[in-house]
Amino acid sequence: MTITTRLEVLDPTVEPVPAHTIIARRPETLDGAVLGLLANGKANSVDLLSLVHEVLADRYDFKGVVERNKGNASRPCPSDIIEELTDKCDVVISASGD
């Protein structure tokens, strides 16, 4: 008895920005902006965002910074954190760390 198995090889590449993608408007500068930093709860995610903040703070004069940690990388961000970041921040950076 012979069993034949078919192996399908997938191409993981995609075009950089698909034509149907909607990209959020980017600010011209971060000067005067409120920066949101959202850690995903993994080890080092807070440290990574702290370093990103340091680098950006050398280039831009932020009005304020809101730092939050969603606490659990395997769960969606709680809606109260998303609402707070949406209400208070001009731009938000999220990070995953290990």
PDB file of N, CA and C in Angstrom:
ATOM      1  N   MET A   1       0.839  -1.176   0.000  1.00  0.00           N
ATOM      2  CA  MET A   1       0.000   0.000   0.000  1.00  0.00           C
ATOM      3  C   MET A   1       0.886   1.241   0.000  1.00  0.00           C
ATOM      4  N   THR A   2       0.629   2.141  -0.915  1.00  0.00           N
ATOM      5  CA  THR A   2       1.408   3.365  -1.027  1.00  0.00           C
ATOM      6  C   THR A   2       0.517   4.552  -0.692  1.00  0.00           C
ATOM      7  N   ILE A   3       1.038   5.391   0.206  1.00  0.00           N
ATOM      8  CA  ILE A   3       0.305   6.609   0.571  1.00  0.00           C
ATOM      9  C   ILE A   3       1.065   7.783  -0.034  1.00  0.00           C
ATOM     10  N   THR A   4       0.357   8.570  -0.785  1.00  0.00           N
ATOM     11  CA  THR A   4       0.954   9.743  -1.389  1.00  0.00           C
ATOM     12  C   THR A   4       0.465  10.977  -0.642  1.00  0.00           C
ATOM     13  N   THR A   5       1.414  11.783  -0.228  1.00  0.00           N
ATOM     14  CA  THR A   5       1.077  13.019   0.477  1.00  0.00           C
ATOM     15  C   THR A   5       1.514  14.195  -0.371  1.00  0.00           C
ATOM     16  N   ARG A   6       0.671  15.137  -0.451  1.00  0.00           N
ATOM     17  CA  ARG A   6       0.980  16.333  -1.221  1.00  0.00           C
ATOM     18  C   ARG A   6       1.430  17.421  -0.253  1.00  0.00           C
ATOM     19  N   LEU A   7       2.559  18.019  -0.543  1.00  0.00           N
ATOM     20  CA  LEU A   7       3.102  19.084   0.279  1.00  0.00           C
ATOM     21  C   LEU A   7       2.927  20.404  -0.465  1.00  0.00           C
ATOM     22  N   GLU A   8       2.229  21.331   0.169  1.00  0.00           N
ATOM     23  CA  GLU A   8       2.028  22.646  -0.442  1.00  0.00           C
ATOM     24  C   GLU A   8       2.995  23.627   0.205  1.00  0.00           C
ATOM     25  N   VAL A   9       3.797  24.278  -0.592  1.00  0.00           N
ATOM     26  CA  VAL A   9       4.755  25.261  -0.105  1.00  0.00           C
ATOM     27  C   VAL A   9       4.155  26.643  -0.307  1.00  0.00           C
ATOM     28  N   LEU A  10       4.080  27.405   0.777  1.00  0.00           N
ATOM     29  CA  LEU A  10       3.487  28.736   0.717  1.00  0.00           C
ATOM     30  C   LEU A  10       4.585  29.789   0.626  1.00  0.00           C
ATOM     31  N   ASP A  11       4.306  30.832  -0.094  1.00  0.00           N
ATOM     32  CA  ASP A  11       5.233  31.956  -0.222  1.00  0.00           C
ATOM     33  C   ASP A  11       4.869  32.982   0.857  1.00  0.00           C
ATOM     34  N   PRO A  12       5.734  33.209   1.851  1.00  0.00           N
ATOM     35  CA  PRO A  12       5.398  34.113   2.955  1.00  0.00           C
ATOM     36  C   PRO A  12       5.572  35.590   2.632  1.00  0.00           C
ATOM     37  N   THR A  13       6.058  35.911   1.451  1.00  0.00           N
ATOM     38  CA  THR A  13       6.289  37.313   1.124  1.00  0.00           C
ATOM     39  C   THR A  13       5.002  37.988   0.662  1.00  0.00           C
ATOM     40  N   VAL A  14       4.908  39.255   0.956  1.00  0.00           N
ATOM     41  CA  VAL A  14       3.766  40.056   0.529  1.00  0.00           C
ATOM     42  C   VAL A  14       4.296  41.386   0.021  1.00  0.00           C
ATOM     43  N   GLU A  15       3.462  42.099  -0.684  1.00  0.00           N
ATOM     44  CA  GLU A  15       3.882  43.421  -1.112  1.00  0.00           C
ATOM     45  C   GLU A  15       3.995  44.303   0.133  1.00  0.00           C
ATOM     46  N   PRO A  16       4.916  45.290   0.132  1.00  0.00           N
ATOM     47  CA  PRO A  16       5.161  46.101   1.336  1.00  0.00           C
ATOM     48  C   PRO A  16       3.900  46.720   1.938  1.00  0.00           C
ATOM     49  N   VAL A  17       3.098  47.360   1.134  1.00  0.00           N
ATOM     50  CA  VAL A  17       1.841  47.926   1.598  1.00  0.00           C
ATOM     51  C   VAL A  17       0.793  47.593   0.541  1.00  0.00           C
ATOM     52  N   PRO A  18      -0.025  46.583   0.824  1.00  0.00           N
ATOM     53  CA  PRO A  18      -1.045  46.220  -0.155  1.00  0.00           C
ATOM     54  C   PRO A  18      -1.916  47.429  -0.517  1.00  0.00           C
ATOM     55  N   ALA A  19      -2.345  47.466  -1.751  1.00  0.00           N
ATOM     56  CA  ALA A  19      -3.113  48.605  -2.261  1.00  0.00           C
ATOM     57  C   ALA A  19      -4.386  48.865  -1.456  1.00  0.00           C
ATOM     58  N   HIS A  20      -5.005  47.852  -0.902  1.00  0.00           N
ATOM     59  CA  HIS A  20      -6.260  48.027  -0.169  1.00  0.00           C
ATOM     60  C   HIS A  20      -6.057  48.412   1.304  1.00  0.00           C
ATOM     61  N   THR A  21      -4.803  48.535   1.732  1.00  0.00           N
ATOM     62  CA  THR A  21      -4.508  48.852   3.129  1.00  0.00           C
ATOM     63  C   THR A  21      -4.720  50.339   3.406  1.00  0.00           C
ATOM     64  N   ILE A  22      -5.308  50.628   4.544  1.00  0.00           N
ATOM     65  CA  ILE A  22      -5.468  52.007   4.985  1.00  0.00           C
ATOM     66  C   ILE A  22      -4.430  52.253   6.069  1.00  0.00           C
ATOM     67  N   ILE A  23      -3.574  53.224   5.840  1.00  0.00           N
ATOM     68  CA  ILE A  23      -2.514  53.533   6.794  1.00  0.00           C
ATOM     69  C   ILE A  23      -2.913  54.782   7.574  1.00  0.00           C
ATOM     70  N   ALA A  24      -2.716  54.714   8.887  1.00  0.00           N
ATOM     71  CA  ALA A  24      -3.049  55.867   9.724  1.00  0.00           C
ATOM     72  C   ALA A  24      -2.190  57.067   9.339  1.00  0.00           C
ATOM     73  N   ARG A  25      -2.774  58.239   9.452  1.00  0.00           N
ATOM     74  CA  ARG A  25      -2.062  59.478   9.151  1.00  0.00           C
ATOM     75  C   ARG A  25      -0.885  59.622  10.116  1.00  0.00           C
ATOM     76  N   ARG A  26       0.265  59.965   9.588  1.00  0.00           N
ATOM     77  CA  ARG A  26       1.463  60.144  10.396  1.00  0.00           C
ATOM     78  C   ARG A  26       1.658  61.631  10.682  1.00  0.00           C
ATOM     79  N   PRO A  27       1.999  61.987  11.920  1.00  0.00           N
ATOM     80  CA  PRO A  27       2.254  63.396  12.206  1.00  0.00           C
ATOM     81  C   PRO A  27       3.562  63.842  11.539  1.00  0.00           C
ATOM     82  N   GLU A  28       3.627  65.117  11.189  1.00  0.00           N
ATOM     83  CA  GLU A  28       4.846  65.641  10.580  1.00  0.00           C
ATOM     84  C   GLU A  28       5.981  65.699  11.590  1.00  0.00           C
ATOM     85  N   THR A  29       5.651  65.924  12.859  1.00  0.00           N
ATOM     86  CA  THR A  29       6.647  65.967  13.917  1.00  0.00           C
ATOM     87  C   THR A  29       6.028  65.424  15.201  1.00  0.00           C
ATOM     88  N   LEU A  30       6.869  65.038  16.122  1.00  0.00           N
ATOM     89  CA  LEU A  30       6.391  64.602  17.432  1.00  0.00           C
ATOM     90  C   LEU A  30       6.569  65.697  18.481  1.00  0.00           C
ATOM     91  N   ASP A  31       7.147  66.834  18.071  1.00  0.00           N
ATOM     92  CA  ASP A  31       7.283  67.964  18.993  1.00  0.00           C
ATOM     93  C   ASP A  31       5.910  68.405  19.468  1.00  0.00           C
ATOM     94  N   GLY A  32       5.759  68.521  20.779  1.00  0.00           N
ATOM     95  CA  GLY A  32       4.496  68.954  21.362  1.00  0.00           C
ATOM     96  C   GLY A  32       3.446  67.864  21.462  1.00  0.00           C
ATOM     97  N   ALA A  33       3.787  66.654  21.067  1.00  0.00           N
ATOM     98  CA  ALA A  33       2.821  65.543  21.097  1.00  0.00           C
ATOM     99  C   ALA A  33       2.840  64.840  22.450  1.00  0.00           C
ATOM    100  N   VAL A  34       1.725  64.196  22.753  1.00  0.00           N
ATOM    101  CA  VAL A  34       1.665  63.296  23.906  1.00  0.00           C
ATOM    102  C   VAL A  34       1.936  61.904  23.363  1.00  0.00           C
ATOM    103  N   LEU A  35       2.984  61.291  23.881  1.00  0.00           N
ATOM    104  CA  LEU A  35       3.422  59.969  23.431  1.00  0.00           C
ATOM    105  C   LEU A  35       2.829  58.891  24.322  1.00  0.00           C
ATOM    106  N   GLY A  36       2.237  57.888  23.726  1.00  0.00           N
ATOM    107  CA  GLY A  36       1.736  56.735  24.465  1.00  0.00           C
ATOM    108  C   GLY A  36       2.675  55.560  24.266  1.00  0.00           C
ATOM    109  N   LEU A  37       2.997  54.868  25.337  1.00  0.00           N
ATOM    110  CA  LEU A  37       3.850  53.689  25.287  1.00  0.00           C
ATOM    111  C   LEU A  37       3.074  52.531  25.891  1.00  0.00           C
ATOM    112  N   LEU A  38       2.813  51.514  25.093  1.00  0.00           N
ATOM    113  CA  LEU A  38       2.012  50.369  25.536  1.00  0.00           C
ATOM    114  C   LEU A  38       2.846  49.099  25.501  1.00  0.00           C
ATOM    115  N   ALA A  39       3.210  48.601  26.678  1.00  0.00           N
ATOM    116  CA  ALA A  39       3.930  47.334  26.793  1.00  0.00           C
ATOM    117  C   ALA A  39       2.919  46.201  26.775  1.00  0.00           C
ATOM    118  N   ASN A  40       3.328  45.060  26.230  1.00  0.00           N
ATOM    119  CA  ASN A  40       2.364  43.963  26.103  1.00  0.00           C
ATOM    120  C   ASN A  40       2.392  42.992  27.277  1.00  0.00           C
ATOM    121  N   GLY A  41       3.258  43.210  28.240  1.00  0.00           N
ATOM    122  CA  GLY A  41       3.291  42.344  29.409  1.00  0.00           C
ATOM    123  C   GLY A  41       4.406  41.321  29.403  1.00  0.00           C
ATOM    124  N   LYS A  42       5.076  41.151  28.270  1.00  0.00           N
ATOM    125  CA  LYS A  42       6.199  40.224  28.228  1.00  0.00           C
ATOM    126  C   LYS A  42       7.405  40.835  28.927  1.00  0.00           C
ATOM    127  N   ALA A  43       8.292  39.944  29.367  1.00  0.00           N
ATOM    128  CA  ALA A  43       9.530  40.408  29.995  1.00  0.00           C
ATOM    129  C   ALA A  43      10.263  41.327  29.032  1.00  0.00           C
ATOM    130  N   ASN A  44      10.798  42.400  29.542  1.00  0.00           N
ATOM    131  CA  ASN A  44      11.597  43.384  28.805  1.00  0.00           C
ATOM    132  C   ASN A  44      10.795  44.335  27.925  1.00  0.00           C
ATOM    133  N   SER A  45       9.487  44.176  27.806  1.00  0.00           N
ATOM    134  CA  SER A  45       8.727  45.098  26.956  1.00  0.00           C
ATOM    135  C   SER A  45       8.744  46.514  27.523  1.00  0.00           C
ATOM    136  N   VAL A  46       8.685  46.653  28.830  1.00  0.00           N
ATOM    137  CA  VAL A  46       8.748  47.976  29.455  1.00  0.00           C
ATOM    138  C   VAL A  46      10.131  48.581  29.245  1.00  0.00           C
ATOM    139  N   ASP A  47      11.179  47.758  29.429  1.00  0.00           N
ATOM    140  CA  ASP A  47      12.550  48.242  29.225  1.00  0.00           C
ATOM    141  C   ASP A  47      12.769  48.685  27.778  1.00  0.00           C
ATOM    142  N   LEU A  48      12.259  47.912  26.838  1.00  0.00           N
ATOM    143  CA  LEU A  48      12.386  48.265  25.427  1.00  0.00           C
ATOM    144  C   LEU A  48      11.727  49.609  25.142  1.00  0.00           C
ATOM    145  N   LEU A  49      10.527  49.804  25.648  1.00  0.00           N
ATOM    146  CA  LEU A  49       9.835  51.069  25.429  1.00  0.00           C
ATOM    147  C   LEU A  49      10.530  52.234  26.126  1.00  0.00           C
ATOM    148  N   SER A  50      11.136  51.979  27.260  1.00  0.00           N
ATOM    149  CA  SER A  50      11.904  53.035  27.936  1.00  0.00           C
ATOM    150  C   SER A  50      13.070  53.486  27.069  1.00  0.00           C
ATOM    151  N   LEU A  51      13.733  52.534  26.434  1.00  0.00           N
ATOM    152  CA  LEU A  51      14.837  52.876  25.535  1.00  0.00           C
ATOM    153  C   LEU A  51      14.339  53.632  24.303  1.00  0.00           C
ATOM    154  N   VAL A  52      13.202  53.206  23.750  1.00  0.00           N
ATOM    155  CA  VAL A  52      12.610  53.912  22.607  1.00  0.00           C
ATOM    156  C   VAL A  52      12.282  55.347  23.010  1.00  0.00           C
ATOM    157  N   HIS A  53      11.721  55.504  24.200  1.00  0.00           N
ATOM    158  CA  HIS A  53      11.388  56.843  24.700  1.00  0.00           C
ATOM    159  C   HIS A  53      12.648  57.698  24.822  1.00  0.00           C
ATOM    160  N   GLU A  54      13.717  57.152  25.369  1.00  0.00           N
ATOM    161  CA  GLU A  54      14.975  57.900  25.502  1.00  0.00           C
ATOM    162  C   GLU A  54      15.490  58.377  24.150  1.00  0.00           C
ATOM    163  N   VAL A  55      15.468  57.485  23.166  1.00  0.00           N
ATOM    164  CA  VAL A  55      15.949  57.845  21.829  1.00  0.00           C
ATOM    165  C   VAL A  55      15.088  58.953  21.231  1.00  0.00           C
ATOM    166  N   LEU A  56      13.769  58.801  21.332  1.00  0.00           N
ATOM    167  CA  LEU A  56      12.867  59.804  20.772  1.00  0.00           C
ATOM    168  C   LEU A  56      12.962  61.135  21.521  1.00  0.00           C
ATOM    169  N   ALA A  57      13.159  61.082  22.833  1.00  0.00           N
ATOM    170  CA  ALA A  57      13.242  62.304  23.638  1.00  0.00           C
ATOM    171  C   ALA A  57      14.486  63.118  23.283  1.00  0.00           C
ATOM    172  N   ASP A  58      15.498  62.484  22.725  1.00  0.00           N
ATOM    173  CA  ASP A  58      16.679  63.213  22.258  1.00  0.00           C
ATOM    174  C   ASP A  58      16.367  64.041  21.010  1.00  0.00           C
ATOM    175  N   ARG A  59      15.337  63.646  20.272  1.00  0.00           N
ATOM    176  CA  ARG A  59      14.990  64.327  19.011  1.00  0.00           C
ATOM    177  C   ARG A  59      13.767  65.225  19.116  1.00  0.00           C
ATOM    178  N   TYR A  60      12.845  64.895  20.039  1.00  0.00           N
ATOM    179  CA  TYR A  60      11.569  65.606  20.099  1.00  0.00           C
ATOM    180  C   TYR A  60      11.281  66.100  21.515  1.00  0.00           C
ATOM    181  N   ASP A  61      10.522  67.184  21.589  1.00  0.00           N
ATOM    182  CA  ASP A  61      10.100  67.753  22.865  1.00  0.00           C
ATOM    183  C   ASP A  61       8.640  67.376  23.093  1.00  0.00           C
ATOM    184  N   PHE A  62       8.415  66.319  23.856  1.00  0.00           N
ATOM    185  CA  PHE A  62       7.066  65.822  24.088  1.00  0.00           C
ATOM    186  C   PHE A  62       6.322  66.692  25.104  1.00  0.00           C
ATOM    187  N   LYS A  63       5.032  66.835  24.876  1.00  0.00           N
ATOM    188  CA  LYS A  63       4.164  67.530  25.829  1.00  0.00           C
ATOM    189  C   LYS A  63       3.939  66.639  27.052  1.00  0.00           C
ATOM    190  N   GLY A  64       3.917  65.320  26.823  1.00  0.00           N
ATOM    191  CA  GLY A  64       3.713  64.368  27.902  1.00  0.00           C
ATOM    192  C   GLY A  64       3.890  62.951  27.401  1.00  0.00           C
ATOM    193  N   VAL A  65       3.963  62.027  28.354  1.00  0.00           N
ATOM    194  CA  VAL A  65       4.111  60.610  28.025  1.00  0.00           C
ATOM    195  C   VAL A  65       3.152  59.818  28.905  1.00  0.00           C
ATOM    196  N   VAL A  66       2.400  58.917  28.287  1.00  0.00           N
ATOM    197  CA  VAL A  66       1.501  58.026  29.016  1.00  0.00           C
ATOM    198  C   VAL A  66       2.029  56.608  28.828  1.00  0.00           C
ATOM    199  N   GLU A  67       2.446  55.978  29.918  1.00  0.00           N
ATOM    200  CA  GLU A  67       2.997  54.619  29.855  1.00  0.00           C
ATOM    201  C   GLU A  67       2.007  53.643  30.486  1.00  0.00           C
ATOM    202  N   ARG A  68       1.675  52.601  29.740  1.00  0.00           N
ATOM    203  CA  ARG A  68       0.761  51.575  30.241  1.00  0.00           C
ATOM    204  C   ARG A  68       1.298  50.202  29.875  1.00  0.00           C
ATOM    205  N   ASN A  69       0.892  49.204  30.640  1.00  0.00           N
ATOM    206  CA  ASN A  69       1.276  47.820  30.396  1.00  0.00           C
ATOM    207  C   ASN A  69      -0.002  46.998  30.412  1.00  0.00           C
ATOM    208  N   LYS A  70      -0.299  46.335  29.306  1.00  0.00           N
ATOM    209  CA  LYS A  70      -1.548  45.570  29.252  1.00  0.00           C
ATOM    210  C   LYS A  70      -1.476  44.307  30.093  1.00  0.00           C
ATOM    211  N   GLY A  71      -0.277  43.914  30.520  1.00  0.00           N
ATOM    212  CA  GLY A  71      -0.122  42.881  31.528  1.00  0.00           C
ATOM    213  C   GLY A  71      -0.128  41.448  31.071  1.00  0.00           C
ATOM    214  N   ASN A  72      -0.681  41.152  29.912  1.00  0.00           N
ATOM    215  CA  ASN A  72      -0.762  39.763  29.474  1.00  0.00           C
ATOM    216  C   ASN A  72      -0.662  39.731  27.950  1.00  0.00           C
ATOM    217  N   ALA A  73       0.450  39.224  27.457  1.00  0.00           N
ATOM    218  CA  ALA A  73       0.704  39.228  26.013  1.00  0.00           C
ATOM    219  C   ALA A  73      -0.282  38.378  25.225  1.00  0.00           C
ATOM    220  N   SER A  74      -0.901  37.409  25.870  1.00  0.00           N
ATOM    221  CA  SER A  74      -1.796  36.508  25.137  1.00  0.00           C
ATOM    222  C   SER A  74      -3.245  36.984  25.119  1.00  0.00           C
ATOM    223  N   ARG A  75      -3.521  38.100  25.747  1.00  0.00           N
ATOM    224  CA  ARG A  75      -4.887  38.627  25.789  1.00  0.00           C
ATOM    225  C   ARG A  75      -4.952  39.982  25.087  1.00  0.00           C
ATOM    226  N   PRO A  76      -6.107  40.323  24.541  1.00  0.00           N
ATOM    227  CA  PRO A  76      -6.263  41.662  23.950  1.00  0.00           C
ATOM    228  C   PRO A  76      -6.072  42.735  25.015  1.00  0.00           C
ATOM    229  N   CYS A  77      -5.714  43.902  24.568  1.00  0.00           N
ATOM    230  CA  CYS A  77      -5.558  45.028  25.490  1.00  0.00           C
ATOM    231  C   CYS A  77      -6.917  45.386  26.076  1.00  0.00           C
ATOM    232  N   PRO A  78      -6.993  45.575  27.397  1.00  0.00           N
ATOM    233  CA  PRO A  78      -8.261  45.972  28.005  1.00  0.00           C
ATOM    234  C   PRO A  78      -8.784  47.275  27.402  1.00  0.00           C
ATOM    235  N   SER A  79     -10.075  47.354  27.225  1.00  0.00           N
ATOM    236  CA  SER A  79     -10.684  48.507  26.561  1.00  0.00           C
ATOM    237  C   SER A  79     -10.436  49.812  27.311  1.00  0.00           C
ATOM    238  N   ASP A  80     -10.323  49.775  28.647  1.00  0.00           N
ATOM    239  CA  ASP A  80     -10.080  51.016  29.378  1.00  0.00           C
ATOM    240  C   ASP A  80      -8.701  51.590  29.060  1.00  0.00           C
ATOM    241  N   ILE A  81      -7.714  50.737  28.833  1.00  0.00           N
ATOM    242  CA  ILE A  81      -6.378  51.210  28.456  1.00  0.00           C
ATOM    243  C   ILE A  81      -6.414  51.778  27.039  1.00  0.00           C
ATOM    244  N   ILE A  82      -7.080  51.099  26.132  1.00  0.00           N
ATOM    245  CA  ILE A  82      -7.188  51.595  24.759  1.00  0.00           C
ATOM    246  C   ILE A  82      -7.895  52.950  24.742  1.00  0.00           C
ATOM    247  N   GLU A  83      -8.978  53.080  25.477  1.00  0.00           N
ATOM    248  CA  GLU A  83      -9.710  54.346  25.526  1.00  0.00           C
ATOM    249  C   GLU A  83      -8.847  55.467  26.093  1.00  0.00           C
ATOM    250  N   GLU A  84      -8.106  55.156  27.154  1.00  0.00           N
ATOM    251  CA  GLU A  84      -7.238  56.175  27.753  1.00  0.00           C
ATOM    252  C   GLU A  84      -6.169  56.632  26.766  1.00  0.00           C
ATOM    253  N   LEU A  85      -5.514  55.680  26.100  1.00  0.00           N
ATOM    254  CA  LEU A  85      -4.476  56.034  25.131  1.00  0.00           C
ATOM    255  C   LEU A  85      -5.061  56.816  23.959  1.00  0.00           C
ATOM    256  N   THR A  86      -6.247  56.429  23.509  1.00  0.00           N
ATOM    257  CA  THR A  86      -6.920  57.131  22.414  1.00  0.00           C
ATOM    258  C   THR A  86      -7.268  58.558  22.812  1.00  0.00           C
ATOM    259  N   ASP A  87      -7.752  58.741  24.026  1.00  0.00           N
ATOM    260  CA  ASP A  87      -8.170  60.066  24.493  1.00  0.00           C
ATOM    261  C   ASP A  87      -6.994  60.994  24.790  1.00  0.00           C
ATOM    262  N   LYS A  88      -5.922  60.449  25.355  1.00  0.00           N
ATOM    263  CA  LYS A  88      -4.837  61.290  25.857  1.00  0.00           C
ATOM    264  C   LYS A  88      -3.642  61.439  24.916  1.00  0.00           C
ATOM    265  N   CYS A  89      -3.469  60.517  23.978  1.00  0.00           N
ATOM    266  CA  CYS A  89      -2.223  60.477  23.201  1.00  0.00           C
ATOM    267  C   CYS A  89      -2.422  60.873  21.755  1.00  0.00           C
ATOM    268  N   ASP A  90      -1.385  61.485  21.211  1.00  0.00           N
ATOM    269  CA  ASP A  90      -1.370  61.828  19.788  1.00  0.00           C
ATOM    270  C   ASP A  90      -0.801  60.678  18.964  1.00  0.00           C
ATOM    271  N   VAL A  91       0.075  59.901  19.572  1.00  0.00           N
ATOM    272  CA  VAL A  91       0.704  58.765  18.905  1.00  0.00           C
ATOM    273  C   VAL A  91       1.003  57.702  19.962  1.00  0.00           C
ATOM    274  N   VAL A  92       0.866  56.428  19.598  1.00  0.00           N
ATOM    275  CA  VAL A  92       1.116  55.341  20.547  1.00  0.00           C
ATOM    276  C   VAL A  92       2.066  54.340  19.900  1.00  0.00           C
ATOM    277  N   ILE A  93       3.046  53.913  20.689  1.00  0.00           N
ATOM    278  CA  ILE A  93       3.974  52.863  20.268  1.00  0.00           C
ATOM    279  C   ILE A  93       3.766  51.688  21.200  1.00  0.00           C
ATOM    280  N   SER A  94       3.612  50.507  20.630  1.00  0.00           N
ATOM    281  CA  SER A  94       3.482  49.315  21.455  1.00  0.00           C
ATOM    282  C   SER A  94       4.700  48.435  21.230  1.00  0.00           C
ATOM    283  N   ALA A  95       4.980  47.573  22.209  1.00  0.00           N
ATOM    284  CA  ALA A  95       6.163  46.737  22.092  1.00  0.00           C
ATOM    285  C   ALA A  95       5.937  45.385  22.734  1.00  0.00           C
ATOM    286  N   SER A  96       6.637  44.427  22.183  1.00  0.00           N
ATOM    287  CA  SER A  96       6.682  43.071  22.707  1.00  0.00           C
ATOM    288  C   SER A  96       8.141  42.794  23.081  1.00  0.00           C
ATOM    289  N   GLY A  97       8.361  42.207  24.206  1.00  0.00           N
ATOM    290  CA  GLY A  97       9.750  41.947  24.601  1.00  0.00           C
ATOM    291  C   GLY A  97       9.905  40.550  25.160  1.00  0.00           C
ATOM    292  N   ASP A  98      11.078  40.044  25.064  1.00  0.00           N
ATOM    293  CA  ASP A  98      11.432  38.751  25.679  1.00  0.00           C
ATOM    294  C   ASP A  98      12.882  38.776  26.083  1.00  0.00           C
TER     295      ASP A  98
END
